[in-house]
Amino acid sequence: MEPLGITASQFGVLRLVELQPGATGAELAHDSMYSPQSTHQMLVTLDSAGLVERRRDPTDRRVRRVYITPAGARTLAEAHLRAIEIEERMVTGLSDDQRRAFSSWLVQAAAQASDAVAA
């Protein structure tokens, strides 16, 4: 992700912003594996880079809602392509059964990590 000017963590947060347009930083932090402070810092960085836009909530001026920008959508699309390339390189030479097992293990590991963060 470095050539795109974002980190892997920022890629994850940018993806959440795309999936949850108008979410608050607290909501994004809750749905990620990052602390509210880390999520806030990533959003500040992404905002400075023009990849997200934080707008005041019309009903509560203290709340900022986060939206992906067109530049953010382009960066995210390119990041997805790079992630797919990396995944393909990771499983090169594995049989179909090994690929399925590897994928299953990754899903299990992510679920465990998510459970650990929630606890």
Protein backbone atom coordinates (compact mmCIF):
# COMPACT_ATOMS: atom_id res chain seq x y z
CA MET A 1 0.00 0.00 0.00
CA GLU A 2 3.01 2.27 0.42
CA PRO A 3 3.08 3.38 -3.26
CA LEU A 4 -0.51 4.55 -2.77
CA GLY A 5 0.46 6.67 0.22
CA ILE A 6 -1.55 4.67 2.75
CA THR A 7 -0.78 2.00 5.30
CA ALA A 8 -2.51 -1.36 5.58
CA SER A 9 -4.35 -0.02 8.64
CA GLN A 10 -5.52 3.04 6.75
CA PHE A 11 -6.66 0.75 3.93
CA GLY A 12 -8.88 -1.08 6.44
CA VAL A 13 -10.36 2.12 7.82
CA LEU A 14 -10.88 3.54 4.33
CA ARG A 15 -12.76 0.36 3.42
CA LEU A 16 -14.99 0.80 6.47
CA VAL A 17 -15.71 4.40 5.47
CA GLU A 18 -16.73 3.16 2.03
CA LEU A 19 -19.02 0.52 3.56
CA GLN A 20 -20.49 2.87 6.17
CA PRO A 21 -20.79 6.33 4.63
CA GLY A 22 -21.67 8.91 7.24
CA ALA A 23 -20.44 6.86 10.18
CA THR A 24 -18.73 8.63 13.04
CA GLY A 25 -15.15 7.94 14.05
CA ALA A 26 -16.43 6.17 17.17
CA GLU A 27 -18.65 3.92 15.06
CA LEU A 28 -15.78 3.12 12.73
CA ALA A 29 -13.50 2.33 15.68
CA HIS A 30 -16.14 0.03 17.14
CA ASP A 31 -16.39 -1.88 13.86
CA SER A 32 -12.62 -2.15 13.42
CA MET A 33 -9.84 -3.65 15.47
CA TYR A 34 -8.40 -0.22 16.28
CA SER A 35 -8.81 1.96 19.34
CA PRO A 36 -10.86 5.15 19.04
CA GLN A 37 -7.63 7.14 19.33
CA SER A 38 -5.90 5.18 16.54
CA THR A 39 -8.97 5.40 14.34
CA HIS A 40 -9.19 9.15 14.92
CA GLN A 41 -5.53 9.62 13.97
CA MET A 42 -5.98 7.55 10.80
CA LEU A 43 -9.05 9.60 9.87
CA VAL A 44 -7.11 12.84 10.40
CA THR A 45 -4.36 11.52 8.11
CA LEU A 46 -6.83 10.29 5.48
CA ASP A 47 -8.66 13.63 5.63
CA SER A 48 -5.40 15.56 5.19
CA ALA A 49 -4.62 13.39 2.15
CA GLY A 50 -8.04 14.18 0.65
CA LEU A 51 -9.19 10.55 0.82
CA VAL A 52 -12.04 11.13 3.27
CA GLU A 53 -14.14 14.10 4.22
CA ARG A 54 -15.40 14.75 7.74
CA ARG A 55 -18.61 16.77 7.87
CA ARG A 56 -20.50 18.18 10.81
CA ASP A 57 -23.71 16.37 11.66
CA PRO A 58 -26.61 18.75 10.97
CA THR A 59 -28.36 17.79 14.21
CA ASP A 60 -25.32 17.73 16.52
CA ARG A 61 -22.49 20.07 15.58
CA ARG A 62 -20.06 18.21 17.87
CA VAL A 63 -20.37 15.06 15.75
CA ARG A 64 -18.40 14.61 12.54
CA ARG A 65 -19.59 12.15 9.92
CA VAL A 66 -17.01 10.56 7.61
CA TYR A 67 -17.40 10.08 3.84
CA ILE A 68 -15.03 8.75 1.21
CA THR A 69 -13.99 11.23 -1.47
CA PRO A 70 -13.60 10.44 -5.18
CA ALA A 71 -9.82 10.38 -4.64
CA GLY A 72 -10.35 8.00 -1.73
CA ALA A 73 -12.52 5.73 -3.87
CA ARG A 74 -9.81 5.62 -6.56
CA THR A 75 -7.11 4.88 -3.99
CA LEU A 76 -9.25 2.18 -2.41
CA ALA A 77 -9.92 0.54 -5.79
CA GLU A 78 -6.19 0.44 -6.52
CA ALA A 79 -5.49 -0.87 -3.02
CA HIS A 80 -7.98 -3.69 -3.58
CA LEU A 81 -6.16 -4.68 -6.77
CA ARG A 82 -2.82 -4.69 -4.96
CA ALA A 83 -4.25 -6.75 -2.09
CA ILE A 84 -5.57 -9.33 -4.57
CA GLU A 85 -2.13 -9.51 -6.20
CA ILE A 86 -0.51 -10.07 -2.80
CA GLU A 87 -3.05 -12.77 -1.92
CA GLU A 88 -2.39 -14.53 -5.23
CA ARG A 89 1.36 -14.51 -4.62
CA MET A 90 0.80 -15.91 -1.11
CA VAL A 91 -1.03 -18.98 -2.41
CA THR A 92 0.97 -19.62 -5.57
CA GLY A 93 1.92 -23.29 -5.66
CA LEU A 94 -0.81 -24.41 -3.27
CA SER A 95 -3.35 -26.98 -4.35
CA ASP A 96 -7.06 -26.09 -4.35
CA ASP A 97 -7.49 -27.99 -1.08
CA GLN A 98 -4.56 -26.14 0.49
CA ARG A 99 -5.97 -22.80 -0.69
CA ARG A 100 -9.35 -23.58 0.86
CA ALA A 101 -7.69 -24.65 4.14
CA PHE A 102 -5.52 -21.53 4.16
CA SER A 103 -8.55 -19.32 3.56
CA SER A 104 -10.47 -21.07 6.32
CA TRP A 105 -7.59 -20.57 8.76
CA LEU A 106 -7.38 -16.88 7.92
CA VAL A 107 -11.10 -16.43 8.50
CA GLN A 108 -10.81 -18.25 11.83
CA ALA A 109 -7.80 -16.16 12.85
CA ALA A 110 -9.62 -12.92 11.96
CA ALA A 111 -12.65 -14.04 13.97
CA GLN A 112 -10.43 -14.83 16.96
CA ALA A 113 -8.69 -11.47 16.67
CA SER A 114 -12.05 -9.72 16.48
CA ASP A 115 -13.29 -11.58 19.56
CA ALA A 116 -10.11 -10.66 21.45
CA VAL A 117 -10.51 -6.98 20.61
CA ALA A 118 -14.17 -7.02 21.66
CA ALA A 119 -13.34 -8.58 25.04
